[in-house]
PDB file of N, CA and C in Angstrom:
ATOM      1  N   MET A   1       8.119  -3.685  -2.771  1.00  0.00           N
ATOM      2  CA  MET A   1       7.952  -5.059  -2.359  1.00  0.00           C
ATOM      3  C   MET A   1       7.555  -5.132  -0.884  1.00  0.00           C
ATOM      4  N   MET A   2       8.225  -4.330  -0.072  1.00  0.00           N
ATOM      5  CA  MET A   2       7.935  -4.349   1.357  1.00  0.00           C
ATOM      6  C   MET A   2       6.499  -3.915   1.633  1.00  0.00           C
ATOM      7  N   GLY A   3       6.028  -2.923   0.908  1.00  0.00           N
ATOM      8  CA  GLY A   3       4.657  -2.448   1.088  1.00  0.00           C
ATOM      9  C   GLY A   3       3.627  -3.474   0.662  1.00  0.00           C
ATOM     10  N   THR A   4       3.899  -4.178  -0.422  1.00  0.00           N
ATOM     11  CA  THR A   4       2.959  -5.206  -0.880  1.00  0.00           C
ATOM     12  C   THR A   4       2.900  -6.350   0.111  1.00  0.00           C
ATOM     13  N   LEU A   5       4.059  -6.781   0.617  1.00  0.00           N
ATOM     14  CA  LEU A   5       4.057  -7.844   1.628  1.00  0.00           C
ATOM     15  C   LEU A   5       3.306  -7.371   2.871  1.00  0.00           C
ATOM     16  N   ALA A   6       3.503  -6.118   3.282  1.00  0.00           N
ATOM     17  CA  ALA A   6       2.783  -5.588   4.442  1.00  0.00           C
ATOM     18  C   ALA A   6       1.275  -5.631   4.219  1.00  0.00           C
ATOM     19  N   ALA A   7       0.829  -5.328   3.008  1.00  0.00           N
ATOM     20  CA  ALA A   7      -0.601  -5.369   2.696  1.00  0.00           C
ATOM     21  C   ALA A   7      -1.139  -6.800   2.785  1.00  0.00           C
ATOM     22  N   VAL A   8      -0.374  -7.757   2.284  1.00  0.00           N
ATOM     23  CA  VAL A   8      -0.803  -9.160   2.356  1.00  0.00           C
ATOM     24  C   VAL A   8      -0.826  -9.622   3.816  1.00  0.00           C
ATOM     25  N   LEU A   9       0.180  -9.224   4.584  1.00  0.00           N
ATOM     26  CA  LEU A   9       0.199  -9.562   6.006  1.00  0.00           C
ATOM     27  C   LEU A   9      -0.989  -8.937   6.736  1.00  0.00           C
ATOM     28  N   ALA A  10      -1.323  -7.693   6.409  1.00  0.00           N
ATOM     29  CA  ALA A  10      -2.471  -7.027   7.032  1.00  0.00           C
ATOM     30  C   ALA A  10      -3.763  -7.798   6.748  1.00  0.00           C
ATOM     31  N   GLY A  11      -3.866  -8.332   5.548  1.00  0.00           N
ATOM     32  CA  GLY A  11      -5.034  -9.135   5.202  1.00  0.00           C
ATOM     33  C   GLY A  11      -5.143 -10.393   6.045  1.00  0.00           C
ATOM     34  N   LYS A  12      -4.022 -10.830   6.599  1.00  0.00           N
ATOM     35  CA  LYS A  12      -3.997 -11.994   7.485  1.00  0.00           C
ATOM     36  C   LYS A  12      -3.991 -11.574   8.956  1.00  0.00           C
ATOM     37  N   LYS A  13      -4.301 -10.294   9.208  1.00  0.00           N
ATOM     38  CA  LYS A  13      -4.364  -9.735  10.563  1.00  0.00           C
ATOM     39  C   LYS A  13      -3.015  -9.801  11.280  1.00  0.00           C
ATOM     40  N   ILE A  14      -1.932  -9.559  10.527  1.00  0.00           N
ATOM     41  CA  ILE A  14      -0.584  -9.504  11.094  1.00  0.00           C
ATOM     42  C   ILE A  14      -0.117  -8.058  11.009  1.00  0.00           C
ATOM     43  N   ARG A  15       0.239  -7.495  12.145  1.00  0.00           N
ATOM     44  CA  ARG A  15       0.662  -6.097  12.216  1.00  0.00           C
ATOM     45  C   ARG A  15       2.094  -5.935  11.701  1.00  0.00           C
ATOM     46  N   THR A  16       2.327  -4.818  11.031  1.00  0.00           N
ATOM     47  CA  THR A  16       3.658  -4.540  10.486  1.00  0.00           C
ATOM     48  C   THR A  16       4.151  -3.163  10.913  1.00  0.00           C
ATOM     49  N   PHE A  17       3.958  -2.853  12.182  1.00  0.00           N
ATOM     50  CA  PHE A  17       4.474  -1.590  12.694  1.00  0.00           C
ATOM     51  C   PHE A  17       5.995  -1.586  12.594  1.00  0.00           C
ATOM     52  N   GLN A  18       6.562  -0.407  12.611  1.00  0.00           N
ATOM     53  CA  GLN A  18       8.009  -0.233  12.418  1.00  0.00           C
ATOM     54  C   GLN A  18       8.839  -1.051  13.407  1.00  0.00           C
ATOM     55  N   ASP A  19       8.380  -1.219  14.621  1.00  0.00           N
ATOM     56  CA  ASP A  19       9.142  -1.993  15.599  1.00  0.00           C
ATOM     57  C   ASP A  19       8.982  -3.501  15.415  1.00  0.00           C
ATOM     58  N   ARG A  20       8.134  -3.928  14.478  1.00  0.00           N
ATOM     59  CA  ARG A  20       7.875  -5.346  14.257  1.00  0.00           C
ATOM     60  C   ARG A  20       8.329  -5.845  12.883  1.00  0.00           C
ATOM     61  N   TYR A  21       8.568  -4.933  11.961  1.00  0.00           N
ATOM     62  CA  TYR A  21       8.744  -5.319  10.557  1.00  0.00           C
ATOM     63  C   TYR A  21       9.824  -4.462   9.926  1.00  0.00           C
ATOM     64  N   ARG A  22      10.810  -5.121   9.331  1.00  0.00           N
ATOM     65  CA  ARG A  22      11.874  -4.394   8.626  1.00  0.00           C
ATOM     66  C   ARG A  22      12.432  -5.290   7.526  1.00  0.00           C
ATOM     67  N   ALA A  23      13.218  -4.671   6.661  1.00  0.00           N
ATOM     68  CA  ALA A  23      13.843  -5.424   5.579  1.00  0.00           C
ATOM     69  C   ALA A  23      15.255  -4.914   5.335  1.00  0.00           C
ATOM     70  N   MET A  24      16.126  -5.822   4.988  1.00  0.00           N
ATOM     71  CA  MET A  24      17.490  -5.510   4.566  1.00  0.00           C
ATOM     72  C   MET A  24      17.565  -5.917   3.095  1.00  0.00           C
ATOM     73  N   VAL A  25      17.897  -4.935   2.268  1.00  0.00           N
ATOM     74  CA  VAL A  25      17.936  -5.183   0.827  1.00  0.00           C
ATOM     75  C   VAL A  25      19.377  -5.094   0.337  1.00  0.00           C
ATOM     76  N   THR A  26      19.789  -6.110  -0.401  1.00  0.00           N
ATOM     77  CA  THR A  26      21.106  -6.106  -1.025  1.00  0.00           C
ATOM     78  C   THR A  26      20.930  -6.406  -2.500  1.00  0.00           C
ATOM     79  N   GLY A  27      21.942  -6.086  -3.260  1.00  0.00           N
ATOM     80  CA  GLY A  27      21.864  -6.352  -4.694  1.00  0.00           C
ATOM     81  C   GLY A  27      23.228  -6.390  -5.323  1.00  0.00           C
ATOM     82  N   ASP A  28      23.244  -6.796  -6.562  1.00  0.00           N
ATOM     83  CA  ASP A  28      24.476  -6.857  -7.345  1.00  0.00           C
ATOM     84  C   ASP A  28      24.329  -6.003  -8.589  1.00  0.00           C
ATOM     85  N   ILE A  29      25.373  -5.240  -8.851  1.00  0.00           N
ATOM     86  CA  ILE A  29      25.459  -4.474 -10.090  1.00  0.00           C
ATOM     87  C   ILE A  29      26.636  -5.043 -10.858  1.00  0.00           C
ATOM     88  N   GLU A  30      26.399  -5.409 -12.103  1.00  0.00           N
ATOM     89  CA  GLU A  30      27.434  -6.041 -12.919  1.00  0.00           C
ATOM     90  C   GLU A  30      27.589  -5.319 -14.248  1.00  0.00           C
ATOM     91  N   ASP A  31      28.764  -5.462 -14.807  1.00  0.00           N
ATOM     92  CA  ASP A  31      29.040  -4.962 -16.154  1.00  0.00           C
ATOM     93  C   ASP A  31      28.510  -5.998 -17.143  1.00  0.00           C
ATOM     94  N   VAL A  32      27.494  -5.635 -17.873  1.00  0.00           N
ATOM     95  CA  VAL A  32      26.901  -6.517 -18.881  1.00  0.00           C
ATOM     96  C   VAL A  32      27.108  -5.864 -20.236  1.00  0.00           C
ATOM     97  N   ASP A  33      28.047  -6.384 -20.994  1.00  0.00           N
ATOM     98  CA  ASP A  33      28.365  -5.840 -22.319  1.00  0.00           C
ATOM     99  C   ASP A  33      28.699  -4.353 -22.259  1.00  0.00           C
ATOM    100  N   GLY A  34      29.457  -3.968 -21.234  1.00  0.00           N
ATOM    101  CA  GLY A  34      29.892  -2.588 -21.110  1.00  0.00           C
ATOM    102  C   GLY A  34      28.890  -1.646 -20.456  1.00  0.00           C
ATOM    103  N   VAL A  35      27.779  -2.186 -19.997  1.00  0.00           N
ATOM    104  CA  VAL A  35      26.751  -1.374 -19.338  1.00  0.00           C
ATOM    105  C   VAL A  35      26.549  -1.904 -17.916  1.00  0.00           C
ATOM    106  N   LEU A  36      26.583  -1.001 -16.937  1.00  0.00           N
ATOM    107  CA  LEU A  36      26.316  -1.425 -15.567  1.00  0.00           C
ATOM    108  C   LEU A  36      24.817  -1.681 -15.401  1.00  0.00           C
ATOM    109  N   LYS A  37      24.503  -2.876 -14.888  1.00  0.00           N
ATOM    110  CA  LYS A  37      23.103  -3.260 -14.704  1.00  0.00           C
ATOM    111  C   LYS A  37      22.907  -3.866 -13.331  1.00  0.00           C
ATOM    112  N   ILE A  38      21.754  -3.602 -12.743  1.00  0.00           N
ATOM    113  CA  ILE A  38      21.354  -4.325 -11.545  1.00  0.00           C
ATOM    114  C   ILE A  38      20.931  -5.717 -12.002  1.00  0.00           C
ATOM    115  N   THR A  39      21.621  -6.727 -11.516  1.00  0.00           N
ATOM    116  CA  THR A  39      21.319  -8.091 -11.956  1.00  0.00           C
ATOM    117  C   THR A  39      20.608  -8.924 -10.890  1.00  0.00           C
ATOM    118  N   ARG A  40      20.799  -8.567  -9.606  1.00  0.00           N
ATOM    119  CA  ARG A  40      20.180  -9.324  -8.526  1.00  0.00           C
ATOM    120  C   ARG A  40      19.757  -8.397  -7.391  1.00  0.00           C
ATOM    121  N   ILE A  41      18.594  -8.711  -6.814  1.00  0.00           N
ATOM    122  CA  ILE A  41      18.115  -8.031  -5.617  1.00  0.00           C
ATOM    123  C   ILE A  41      17.657  -9.116  -4.642  1.00  0.00           C
ATOM    124  N   HIS A  42      18.152  -9.019  -3.409  1.00  0.00           N
ATOM    125  CA  HIS A  42      17.735  -9.958  -2.369  1.00  0.00           C
ATOM    126  C   HIS A  42      17.155  -9.159  -1.210  1.00  0.00           C
ATOM    127  N   VAL A  43      15.975  -9.538  -0.767  1.00  0.00           N
ATOM    128  CA  VAL A  43      15.309  -8.871   0.346  1.00  0.00           C
ATOM    129  C   VAL A  43      15.189  -9.861   1.501  1.00  0.00           C
ATOM    130  N   HIS A  44      15.759  -9.478   2.634  1.00  0.00           N
ATOM    131  CA  HIS A  44      15.664 -10.300   3.847  1.00  0.00           C
ATOM    132  C   HIS A  44      14.740  -9.574   4.814  1.00  0.00           C
ATOM    133  N   TYR A  45      13.533 -10.099   4.951  1.00  0.00           N
ATOM    134  CA  TYR A  45      12.535  -9.525   5.836  1.00  0.00           C
ATOM    135  C   TYR A  45      12.711 -10.076   7.252  1.00  0.00           C
ATOM    136  N   HIS A  46      12.442  -9.245   8.238  1.00  0.00           N
ATOM    137  CA  HIS A  46      12.394  -9.640   9.641  1.00  0.00           C
ATOM    138  C   HIS A  46      11.021  -9.241  10.164  1.00  0.00           C
ATOM    139  N   LEU A  47      10.371 -10.166  10.862  1.00  0.00           N
ATOM    140  CA  LEU A  47       9.019  -9.901  11.346  1.00  0.00           C
ATOM    141  C   LEU A  47       8.836 -10.510  12.729  1.00  0.00           C
ATOM    142  N   LYS A  48       8.357  -9.686  13.663  1.00  0.00           N
ATOM    143  CA  LYS A  48       7.940 -10.175  14.977  1.00  0.00           C
ATOM    144  C   LYS A  48       6.465 -10.507  14.869  1.00  0.00           C
ATOM    145  N   VAL A  49       6.137 -11.738  15.153  1.00  0.00           N
ATOM    146  CA  VAL A  49       4.754 -12.183  14.991  1.00  0.00           C
ATOM    147  C   VAL A  49       4.471 -13.281  16.024  1.00  0.00           C
ATOM    148  N   PRO A  50       3.245 -13.312  16.569  1.00  0.00           N
ATOM    149  CA  PRO A  50       2.920 -14.388  17.508  1.00  0.00           C
ATOM    150  C   PRO A  50       3.067 -15.763  16.847  1.00  0.00           C
ATOM    151  N   GLN A  51       3.403 -16.732  17.640  1.00  0.00           N
ATOM    152  CA  GLN A  51       3.618 -18.106  17.153  1.00  0.00           C
ATOM    153  C   GLN A  51       2.447 -18.595  16.293  1.00  0.00           C
ATOM    154  N   GLU A  52       1.227 -18.283  16.721  1.00  0.00           N
ATOM    155  CA  GLU A  52       0.055 -18.797  16.004  1.00  0.00           C
ATOM    156  C   GLU A  52      -0.154 -18.144  14.635  1.00  0.00           C
ATOM    157  N   LYS A  53       0.570 -17.068  14.336  1.00  0.00           N
ATOM    158  CA  LYS A  53       0.445 -16.387  13.045  1.00  0.00           C
ATOM    159  C   LYS A  53       1.654 -16.632  12.132  1.00  0.00           C
ATOM    160  N   GLN A  54       2.623 -17.416  12.590  1.00  0.00           N
ATOM    161  CA  GLN A  54       3.842 -17.587  11.806  1.00  0.00           C
ATOM    162  C   GLN A  54       3.605 -18.339  10.497  1.00  0.00           C
ATOM    163  N   GLN A  55       2.714 -19.305  10.485  1.00  0.00           N
ATOM    164  CA  GLN A  55       2.397 -20.011   9.238  1.00  0.00           C
ATOM    165  C   GLN A  55       1.738 -19.053   8.242  1.00  0.00           C
ATOM    166  N   ASP A  56       0.869 -18.192   8.716  1.00  0.00           N
ATOM    167  CA  ASP A  56       0.241 -17.188   7.843  1.00  0.00           C
ATOM    168  C   ASP A  56       1.287 -16.252   7.251  1.00  0.00           C
ATOM    169  N   ALA A  57       2.273 -15.873   8.058  1.00  0.00           N
ATOM    170  CA  ALA A  57       3.338 -14.987   7.568  1.00  0.00           C
ATOM    171  C   ALA A  57       4.157 -15.671   6.485  1.00  0.00           C
ATOM    172  N   THR A  58       4.453 -16.934   6.677  1.00  0.00           N
ATOM    173  CA  THR A  58       5.211 -17.692   5.672  1.00  0.00           C
ATOM    174  C   THR A  58       4.416 -17.807   4.372  1.00  0.00           C
ATOM    175  N   GLU A  59       3.127 -18.053   4.478  1.00  0.00           N
ATOM    176  CA  GLU A  59       2.272 -18.129   3.289  1.00  0.00           C
ATOM    177  C   GLU A  59       2.221 -16.787   2.564  1.00  0.00           C
ATOM    178  N   ALA A  60       2.185 -15.697   3.318  1.00  0.00           N
ATOM    179  CA  ALA A  60       2.177 -14.366   2.708  1.00  0.00           C
ATOM    180  C   ALA A  60       3.448 -14.146   1.895  1.00  0.00           C
ATOM    181  N   LEU A  61       4.597 -14.536   2.442  1.00  0.00           N
ATOM    182  CA  LEU A  61       5.863 -14.394   1.723  1.00  0.00           C
ATOM    183  C   LEU A  61       5.842 -15.210   0.433  1.00  0.00           C
ATOM    184  N   ASP A  62       5.251 -16.381   0.481  1.00  0.00           N
ATOM    185  CA  ASP A  62       5.208 -17.253  -0.696  1.00  0.00           C
ATOM    186  C   ASP A  62       4.319 -16.709  -1.809  1.00  0.00           C
ATOM    187  N   ASN A  63       3.413 -15.774  -1.475  1.00  0.00           N
ATOM    188  CA  ASN A  63       2.420 -15.344  -2.465  1.00  0.00           C
ATOM    189  C   ASN A  63       2.432 -13.870  -2.854  1.00  0.00           C
ATOM    190  N   TYR A  64       3.090 -13.016  -2.102  1.00  0.00           N
ATOM    191  CA  TYR A  64       2.958 -11.574  -2.333  1.00  0.00           C
ATOM    192  C   TYR A  64       3.599 -11.099  -3.637  1.00  0.00           C
ATOM    193  N   ILE A  65       4.621 -11.767  -4.113  1.00  0.00           N
ATOM    194  CA  ILE A  65       5.401 -11.275  -5.256  1.00  0.00           C
ATOM    195  C   ILE A  65       4.546 -11.130  -6.516  1.00  0.00           C
ATOM    196  N   THR A  66       3.555 -11.984  -6.671  1.00  0.00           N
ATOM    197  CA  THR A  66       2.695 -11.893  -7.859  1.00  0.00           C
ATOM    198  C   THR A  66       1.768 -10.685  -7.809  1.00  0.00           C
ATOM    199  N   LEU A  67       1.602 -10.103  -6.626  1.00  0.00           N
ATOM    200  CA  LEU A  67       0.742  -8.928  -6.448  1.00  0.00           C
ATOM    201  C   LEU A  67       1.528  -7.621  -6.441  1.00  0.00           C
ATOM    202  N   CYS A  68       2.856  -7.700  -6.480  1.00  0.00           N
ATOM    203  CA  CYS A  68       3.705  -6.530  -6.288  1.00  0.00           C
ATOM    204  C   CYS A  68       4.039  -5.849  -7.627  1.00  0.00           C
ATOM    205  N   PRO A  69       3.572  -4.621  -7.830  1.00  0.00           N
ATOM    206  CA  PRO A  69       3.850  -3.912  -9.081  1.00  0.00           C
ATOM    207  C   PRO A  69       5.342  -3.727  -9.337  1.00  0.00           C
ATOM    208  N   GLY A  70       6.102  -3.388  -8.298  1.00  0.00           N
ATOM    209  CA  GLY A  70       7.542  -3.193  -8.475  1.00  0.00           C
ATOM    210  C   GLY A  70       8.238  -4.467  -8.899  1.00  0.00           C
ATOM    211  N   ALA A  71       7.947  -5.547  -8.211  1.00  0.00           N
ATOM    212  CA  ALA A  71       8.564  -6.829  -8.541  1.00  0.00           C
ATOM    213  C   ALA A  71       8.138  -7.296  -9.927  1.00  0.00           C
ATOM    214  N   GLN A  72       6.865  -7.175 -10.229  1.00  0.00           N
ATOM    215  CA  GLN A  72       6.373  -7.644 -11.525  1.00  0.00           C
ATOM    216  C   GLN A  72       6.943  -6.817 -12.678  1.00  0.00           C
ATOM    217  N   SER A  73       7.362  -5.600 -12.394  1.00  0.00           N
ATOM    218  CA  SER A  73       7.953  -4.748 -13.425  1.00  0.00           C
ATOM    219  C   SER A  73       9.346  -5.212 -13.838  1.00  0.00           C
ATOM    220  N   VAL A  74      10.036  -5.920 -12.934  1.00  0.00           N
ATOM    221  CA  VAL A  74      11.416  -6.318 -13.240  1.00  0.00           C
ATOM    222  C   VAL A  74      11.621  -7.829 -13.319  1.00  0.00           C
ATOM    223  N   VAL A  75      10.577  -8.612 -13.053  1.00  0.00           N
ATOM    224  CA  VAL A  75      10.697 -10.066 -13.163  1.00  0.00           C
ATOM    225  C   VAL A  75      11.159 -10.410 -14.576  1.00  0.00           C
ATOM    226  N   GLY A  76      12.152 -11.247 -14.649  1.00  0.00           N
ATOM    227  CA  GLY A  76      12.708 -11.618 -15.947  1.00  0.00           C
ATOM    228  C   GLY A  76      13.905 -10.768 -16.336  1.00  0.00           C
ATOM    229  N   CYS A  77      14.056  -9.616 -15.718  1.00  0.00           N
ATOM    230  CA  CYS A  77      15.191  -8.727 -15.987  1.00  0.00           C
ATOM    231  C   CYS A  77      16.200  -8.746 -14.840  1.00  0.00           C
ATOM    232  N   ILE A  78      15.684  -8.841 -13.632  1.00  0.00           N
ATOM    233  CA  ILE A  78      16.506  -8.851 -12.427  1.00  0.00           C
ATOM    234  C   ILE A  78      16.120 -10.083 -11.624  1.00  0.00           C
ATOM    235  N   ASP A  79      17.127 -10.808 -11.148  1.00  0.00           N
ATOM    236  CA  ASP A  79      16.883 -11.980 -10.316  1.00  0.00           C
ATOM    237  C   ASP A  79      16.459 -11.508  -8.937  1.00  0.00           C
ATOM    238  N   LEU A  80      15.212 -11.785  -8.535  1.00  0.00           N
ATOM    239  CA  LEU A  80      14.676 -11.380  -7.240  1.00  0.00           C
ATOM    240  C   LEU A  80      14.608 -12.579  -6.308  1.00  0.00           C
ATOM    241  N   THR A  81      15.154 -12.423  -5.116  1.00  0.00           N
ATOM    242  CA  THR A  81      15.024 -13.453  -4.099  1.00  0.00           C
ATOM    243  C   THR A  81      14.610 -12.786  -2.802  1.00  0.00           C
ATOM    244  N   HIS A  82      14.015 -13.577  -1.921  1.00  0.00           N
ATOM    245  CA  HIS A  82      13.601 -13.040  -0.635  1.00  0.00           C
ATOM    246  C   HIS A  82      13.587 -14.154   0.400  1.00  0.00           C
ATOM    247  N   GLU A  83      13.681 -13.747   1.642  1.00  0.00           N
ATOM    248  CA  GLU A  83      13.574 -14.691   2.751  1.00  0.00           C
ATOM    249  C   GLU A  83      12.959 -13.967   3.931  1.00  0.00           C
ATOM    250  N   LEU A  84      12.474 -14.737   4.877  1.00  0.00           N
ATOM    251  CA  LEU A  84      11.784 -14.179   6.036  1.00  0.00           C
ATOM    252  C   LEU A  84      12.320 -14.809   7.305  1.00  0.00           C
ATOM    253  N   THR A  85      12.764 -13.969   8.223  1.00  0.00           N
ATOM    254  CA  THR A  85      13.133 -14.418   9.556  1.00  0.00           C
ATOM    255  C   THR A  85      12.012 -14.026  10.497  1.00  0.00           C
ATOM    256  N   LEU A  86      11.460 -15.021  11.178  1.00  0.00           N
ATOM    257  CA  LEU A  86      10.364 -14.773  12.098  1.00  0.00           C
ATOM    258  C   LEU A  86      10.889 -14.787  13.527  1.00  0.00           C
ATOM    259  N   GLU A  87      10.389 -13.838  14.300  1.00  0.00           N
ATOM    260  CA  GLU A  87      10.740 -13.736  15.711  1.00  0.00           C
ATOM    261  C   GLU A  87       9.428 -13.763  16.488  1.00  0.00           C
ATOM    262  N   ASP A  88       9.379 -14.553  17.540  1.00  0.00           N
ATOM    263  CA  ASP A  88       8.167 -14.622  18.343  1.00  0.00           C
ATOM    264  C   ASP A  88       7.920 -13.281  19.017  1.00  0.00           C
ATOM    265  N   GLY A  89       6.732 -12.770  18.847  1.00  0.00           N
ATOM    266  CA  GLY A  89       6.450 -11.473  19.457  1.00  0.00           C
ATOM    267  C   GLY A  89       5.031 -11.063  19.410  1.00  0.00           C
TER     268      GLY A  89
END
């Protein structure tokens, strides 16, 4: 997911170098009928981006999931959520 978002951001001329872009991923594993399953994944992205590119970054977050092979492989099986914290930079 992080790589796909980085590709979409690159298409909008937003750099995703290691010092500018990171993600914190959390999830839930639950007992479902006696089987442990990953039921939720939440990705909190952090991005340093100039003020004039922040709207582009928000649009990228809103659209990248449909292009992501990993996410599309589990949509409907695992609840995926994401958010983006933007920092001026």
